[in-house]
Amino acid sequence: MRADAHLHFFRPGYAAVMPDTCRRQLPDEVTLYAALAQQHAIEQVLAVGFEGQSWATGNNGYLAELAVAYAWIRPVAFVANPAQLDIAGLEVLAGQKFVGLSLYVFDDEIEGALARVDAAVWAWLEKRRWLISVNSKGLRWAAFVQILESHPDLRLLISHLGLPPAAEGAMPKNFVHQQLNSVMELARFGGVCVKLSGFYALTVPGYDYPHRNAWPYVAALVESYGVDRLLWGSDFSPSLEHVSFQQTIGLLGQMPFLTDKDRAQIEGKNLLRLLAAV
């Protein structure tokens, strides 16, 4: 019984890499994923909205359509400017079956917008236990410390291990902790979880399955967060440019510091618990 904490559905398909020849336009991504979900016992998915490039315009609307048509698709809405969030807009999203928000915090402008979000918005999100999926990296994770200190029960989901530098070889423990310091600082807030996803972006080359050089990152996150706050994510379909779908799951089974019970938590139980509480 699994649940996927990070994937994307685009219409007509993920087109960032090869917009004219995307091999997943036929069949459409939902049809392809539904077959994979049946094969791998995936019950629920967190579909992460993204409209940060022109080819992805309208993705929130598409996800809203999918949420109505498929009960197993639980979307989080892309937010271009967090400072513009308000209660009325959140209520509209709730009516469209969204279960949270998708934030991409990679520049000073968006980081500054976070600081201008009305406290009532954070309180609304906290009370309803919405999931806030965030893509960011490095010191920018510190932007959430003040927010979480005021709203410690916010459910913040850190994507792709927090995007530490891609490992090109063995990493000493002190280096690993240094690179994950901003992410590990957030572990003191009980609502923060980390997605074990996007490993193709965490090793050089990206197809270096099972990404052993990145395993020390996972071990450090197990130490700081425990297995109850780690979530498996396939990063479908961008990940398929580098690895097979099975490999996005299979790498966890090769990590010697994770037990079968640990993997059951990470691969499904933890996210299903979060979704049930929304």
Protein backbone atom coordinates (compact mmCIF):
# COMPACT_ATOMS: atom_id res chain seq x y z
CA MET A 1 0.00 0.00 0.00
CA ARG A 2 1.81 3.08 -1.27
CA ALA A 3 1.18 6.79 -1.70
CA ASP A 4 3.23 9.07 -3.95
CA ALA A 5 4.13 12.40 -2.32
CA HIS A 6 5.49 14.16 -5.39
CA LEU A 7 4.41 13.90 -9.00
CA HIS A 8 3.20 16.14 -11.80
CA PHE A 9 0.43 15.88 -14.35
CA PHE A 10 0.57 18.25 -17.30
CA ARG A 11 -1.58 18.63 -20.37
CA PRO A 12 -0.48 17.42 -22.88
CA GLY A 13 2.50 16.05 -20.92
CA TYR A 14 5.79 17.08 -19.34
CA ALA A 15 7.29 19.22 -22.06
CA ALA A 16 10.19 21.04 -20.41
CA VAL A 17 12.92 18.82 -21.87
CA MET A 18 11.65 18.01 -25.34
CA PRO A 19 8.49 19.98 -26.07
CA ASP A 20 7.96 18.67 -29.60
CA THR A 21 8.67 14.98 -29.02
CA CYS A 22 7.57 14.19 -25.47
CA ARG A 23 7.24 10.41 -25.41
CA ARG A 24 4.58 10.60 -22.72
CA GLN A 25 1.98 12.57 -24.66
CA LEU A 26 0.47 9.28 -25.83
CA PRO A 27 -1.01 7.82 -23.79
CA ASP A 28 -1.64 10.79 -21.55
CA GLU A 29 0.22 10.97 -18.25
CA VAL A 30 -2.79 10.07 -16.10
CA THR A 31 -3.49 6.90 -18.08
CA LEU A 32 0.16 5.90 -17.86
CA TYR A 33 0.36 6.62 -14.15
CA ALA A 34 -2.89 4.78 -13.39
CA ALA A 35 -1.33 1.63 -14.86
CA LEU A 36 1.82 2.14 -12.78
CA ALA A 37 -0.28 2.76 -9.67
CA GLN A 38 -2.10 -0.53 -10.16
CA GLN A 39 1.18 -2.35 -10.68
CA HIS A 40 2.81 -0.87 -7.57
CA ALA A 41 -0.20 -0.69 -5.21
CA ILE A 42 -0.30 3.12 -5.09
CA GLU A 43 -3.55 4.32 -3.52
CA GLN A 44 -3.18 8.11 -3.39
CA VAL A 45 -0.92 10.70 -5.01
CA LEU A 46 -0.03 14.28 -4.19
CA ALA A 47 -0.08 16.07 -7.55
CA VAL A 48 2.17 19.11 -7.32
CA GLY A 49 1.02 22.11 -9.31
CA PHE A 50 3.53 24.08 -11.38
CA GLU A 51 2.99 27.04 -13.68
CA GLY A 52 6.44 28.60 -13.50
CA GLN A 53 7.12 28.28 -17.25
CA SER A 54 4.96 29.19 -20.22
CA TRP A 55 4.40 25.59 -21.33
CA ALA A 56 2.86 24.81 -17.91
CA THR A 57 0.32 27.66 -17.93
CA GLY A 58 -3.09 26.52 -16.68
CA ASN A 59 -1.79 23.57 -14.69
CA ASN A 60 -3.93 24.42 -11.64
CA GLY A 61 -7.07 24.28 -13.76
CA TYR A 62 -6.05 20.93 -15.20
CA LEU A 63 -5.36 19.50 -11.74
CA ALA A 64 -8.77 20.71 -10.56
CA GLU A 65 -10.37 18.76 -13.42
CA LEU A 66 -8.38 15.64 -12.50
CA ALA A 67 -9.32 15.90 -8.81
CA VAL A 68 -13.00 15.78 -9.74
CA ALA A 69 -12.53 12.86 -12.13
CA TYR A 70 -10.14 10.75 -10.01
CA ALA A 71 -10.49 10.41 -6.24
CA TRP A 72 -6.91 9.12 -5.95
CA ILE A 73 -5.45 12.39 -7.28
CA ARG A 74 -4.99 14.92 -4.45
CA PRO A 75 -3.63 18.18 -5.89
CA VAL A 76 -1.77 21.11 -4.35
CA ALA A 77 -2.20 24.42 -6.19
CA PHE A 78 0.75 26.34 -7.59
CA VAL A 79 1.15 29.80 -6.06
CA ALA A 80 3.19 32.25 -8.12
CA ASN A 81 3.11 35.06 -5.53
CA PRO A 82 2.50 33.98 -1.92
CA ALA A 83 1.91 37.59 -0.84
CA GLN A 84 -1.33 37.59 -2.84
CA LEU A 85 -2.85 34.67 -0.91
CA ASP A 86 -6.10 35.44 0.88
CA ILE A 87 -8.86 33.48 2.61
CA ALA A 88 -11.35 33.93 -0.22
CA GLY A 89 -8.89 32.46 -2.71
CA LEU A 90 -8.11 29.53 -0.43
CA GLU A 91 -11.83 28.77 -0.06
CA VAL A 92 -12.13 28.67 -3.86
CA LEU A 93 -9.24 26.20 -4.05
CA ALA A 94 -10.81 24.07 -1.33
CA GLY A 95 -14.01 23.92 -3.38
CA GLN A 96 -11.94 22.63 -6.31
CA LYS A 97 -10.67 19.73 -4.17
CA PHE A 98 -7.17 21.08 -3.64
CA VAL A 99 -5.57 19.85 -0.42
CA GLY A 100 -2.73 22.32 -0.20
CA LEU A 101 -0.36 24.70 -1.94
CA SER A 102 2.74 24.35 -4.10
CA LEU A 103 5.49 26.94 -3.59
CA TYR A 104 8.75 27.34 -5.51
CA VAL A 105 11.14 29.51 -3.50
CA PHE A 106 14.30 30.08 -5.53
CA ASP A 107 14.76 33.86 -5.60
CA ASP A 108 14.69 36.90 -3.37
CA GLU A 109 11.36 38.09 -4.75
CA ILE A 110 9.44 34.97 -3.74
CA GLU A 111 11.29 34.72 -0.43
CA GLY A 112 10.29 38.30 0.32
CA ALA A 113 6.69 37.54 -0.65
CA LEU A 114 6.61 34.78 1.96
CA ALA A 115 7.33 37.33 4.66
CA ARG A 116 4.32 39.37 3.52
CA VAL A 117 1.75 36.58 3.74
CA ASP A 118 -1.06 37.58 6.10
CA ALA A 119 -0.98 35.69 9.41
CA ALA A 120 -4.66 34.81 8.87
CA VAL A 121 -3.65 32.83 5.78
CA TRP A 122 -1.11 30.75 7.70
CA ALA A 123 -3.69 30.23 10.46
CA TRP A 124 -6.26 29.02 7.89
CA LEU A 125 -3.75 26.57 6.41
CA GLU A 126 -2.70 25.38 9.85
CA LYS A 127 -6.26 24.83 11.09
CA ARG A 128 -7.29 22.86 8.00
CA ARG A 129 -4.06 20.87 7.98
CA TRP A 130 -3.39 21.68 4.36
CA LEU A 131 -0.15 20.39 2.86
CA ILE A 132 2.35 23.02 1.72
CA SER A 133 4.70 21.43 -0.79
CA VAL A 134 7.84 23.51 -1.22
CA ASN A 135 10.67 23.34 -3.72
CA SER A 136 13.66 25.35 -2.55
CA LYS A 137 17.32 24.90 -1.64
CA GLY A 138 20.19 25.98 0.54
CA LEU A 139 19.79 28.88 2.93
CA ARG A 140 16.36 29.77 1.56
CA TRP A 141 14.83 27.11 3.81
CA ALA A 142 15.57 29.46 6.70
CA ALA A 143 12.78 31.71 5.40
CA PHE A 144 10.29 29.31 6.95
CA VAL A 145 11.71 29.44 10.49
CA GLN A 146 9.88 32.60 11.53
CA ILE A 147 6.66 31.40 9.89
CA LEU A 148 6.80 28.07 11.69
CA GLU A 149 7.62 29.68 15.01
CA SER A 150 4.31 31.55 14.76
CA HIS A 151 2.44 28.59 13.25
CA PRO A 152 4.25 25.48 14.50
CA ASP A 153 1.60 23.03 13.26
CA LEU A 154 1.86 24.02 9.60
CA ARG A 155 2.34 20.96 7.42
CA LEU A 156 5.35 21.85 5.34
CA LEU A 157 6.59 19.21 2.88
CA ILE A 158 10.19 19.70 1.79
CA SER A 159 10.65 18.40 -1.77
CA HIS A 160 13.66 16.44 -3.04
CA LEU A 161 15.45 16.28 0.34
CA GLY A 162 15.70 20.07 0.21
CA LEU A 163 17.83 19.91 -2.97
CA PRO A 164 21.32 19.62 -1.46
CA PRO A 165 24.21 19.61 -3.97
CA ALA A 166 24.38 16.62 -6.29
CA ALA A 167 26.89 14.08 -4.96
CA GLU A 168 29.74 13.17 -7.29
CA GLY A 169 31.44 10.79 -4.86
CA ALA A 170 31.59 9.73 -1.24
CA MET A 171 30.69 12.48 1.22
CA PRO A 172 31.97 12.78 4.81
CA LYS A 173 29.29 13.09 7.47
CA ASN A 174 30.24 16.63 8.45
CA PHE A 175 29.85 17.78 4.83
CA VAL A 176 26.44 16.12 4.59
CA HIS A 177 25.24 17.84 7.74
CA GLN A 178 26.59 21.15 6.52
CA GLN A 179 24.67 20.87 3.24
CA LEU A 180 21.44 19.84 4.99
CA ASN A 181 21.76 22.23 7.92
CA SER A 182 18.86 24.52 6.93
CA VAL A 183 16.61 21.51 6.31
CA MET A 184 17.58 19.78 9.54
CA GLU A 185 16.91 23.01 11.48
CA LEU A 186 13.24 22.69 10.52
CA ALA A 187 12.96 19.22 12.08
CA ARG A 188 12.08 20.79 15.43
CA PHE A 189 8.68 21.70 14.01
CA GLY A 190 6.48 18.61 14.15
CA GLY A 191 4.50 19.40 11.01
CA VAL A 192 7.52 19.45 8.70
CA CYS A 193 8.15 16.38 6.54
CA VAL A 194 10.77 15.65 3.88
CA LYS A 195 10.12 14.03 0.53
CA LEU A 196 12.62 11.40 -0.58
CA SER A 197 12.25 12.27 -4.24
CA GLY A 198 14.21 13.56 -7.21
CA PHE A 199 17.33 11.47 -6.61
CA TYR A 200 18.30 11.93 -10.25
CA ALA A 201 19.04 15.55 -9.26
CA LEU A 202 21.12 14.49 -6.26
CA THR A 203 23.84 12.42 -7.95
CA VAL A 204 26.16 12.89 -10.91
CA PRO A 205 25.24 11.45 -13.33
CA GLY A 206 21.47 11.58 -12.73
CA TYR A 207 20.96 8.02 -14.01
CA ASP A 208 23.41 6.63 -11.45
CA TYR A 209 20.85 4.26 -9.90
CA PRO A 210 20.59 3.40 -7.01
CA HIS A 211 22.21 6.81 -6.25
CA ARG A 212 24.45 5.45 -3.49
CA ASN A 213 26.44 8.66 -3.21
CA ALA A 214 23.26 10.44 -2.05
CA TRP A 215 22.40 7.86 0.63
CA PRO A 216 24.25 9.79 3.38
CA TYR A 217 21.71 12.58 2.87
CA VAL A 218 18.90 10.13 3.59
CA ALA A 219 20.68 8.69 6.63
CA ALA A 220 21.10 12.20 8.06
CA LEU A 221 17.40 12.95 7.53
CA VAL A 222 16.42 9.70 9.25
CA GLU A 223 18.49 10.87 12.24
CA SER A 224 16.85 14.29 12.41
CA TYR A 225 13.28 13.60 11.30
CA GLY A 226 12.77 9.90 12.00
CA VAL A 227 11.07 7.64 9.47
CA ASP A 228 7.57 8.87 10.44
CA ARG A 229 8.16 12.20 8.69
CA LEU A 230 9.78 10.99 5.48
CA LEU A 231 7.72 10.54 2.31
CA TRP A 232 8.51 8.69 -0.90
CA GLY A 233 7.91 10.61 -4.11
CA SER A 234 8.39 9.40 -7.67
CA ASP A 235 8.71 12.86 -9.28
CA PHE A 236 6.76 11.42 -12.21
CA SER A 237 7.13 12.18 -15.03
CA PRO A 238 10.33 14.30 -15.06
CA SER A 239 12.18 11.46 -13.33
CA LEU A 240 11.52 9.17 -16.28
CA GLU A 241 14.09 11.11 -18.28
CA HIS A 242 16.74 9.52 -16.03
CA VAL A 243 15.42 6.35 -14.35
CA SER A 244 12.53 3.91 -14.56
CA PHE A 245 9.47 4.33 -12.38
CA GLN A 246 10.32 1.10 -10.54
CA GLN A 247 13.75 2.52 -9.69
CA THR A 248 12.19 5.54 -7.96
CA ILE A 249 10.78 3.05 -5.44
CA GLY A 250 13.45 0.37 -5.58
CA LEU A 251 16.31 2.52 -4.35
CA LEU A 252 14.75 2.68 -0.87
CA GLY A 253 14.85 -1.10 -0.69
CA GLN A 254 18.60 -1.05 -1.23
CA MET A 255 19.39 1.34 1.62
CA PRO A 256 20.71 -0.92 4.43
CA PHE A 257 19.74 1.51 7.20
CA LEU A 258 16.01 1.25 6.33
CA THR A 259 13.99 -1.74 7.55
CA ASP A 260 10.93 -3.18 5.85
CA LYS A 261 8.80 -1.40 8.45
CA ASP A 262 10.60 1.87 7.75
CA ARG A 263 9.95 1.55 4.04
CA ALA A 264 6.26 0.81 4.59
CA GLN A 265 6.02 4.09 6.50
CA ILE A 266 7.97 6.10 3.95
CA GLU A 267 6.40 4.60 0.83
CA GLY A 268 2.81 5.07 1.90
CA LYS A 269 1.59 5.14 5.46
CA ASN A 270 3.00 8.56 6.33
CA LEU A 271 1.41 10.38 3.40
CA LEU A 272 -1.91 8.56 3.75
CA ARG A 273 -2.03 9.72 7.35
CA LEU A 274 -1.41 13.32 6.30
CA LEU A 275 -4.03 13.21 3.54
CA ALA A 276 -6.63 11.69 5.85
CA ALA A 277 -6.23 14.64 8.23
CA VAL A 278 -6.73 17.40 5.64
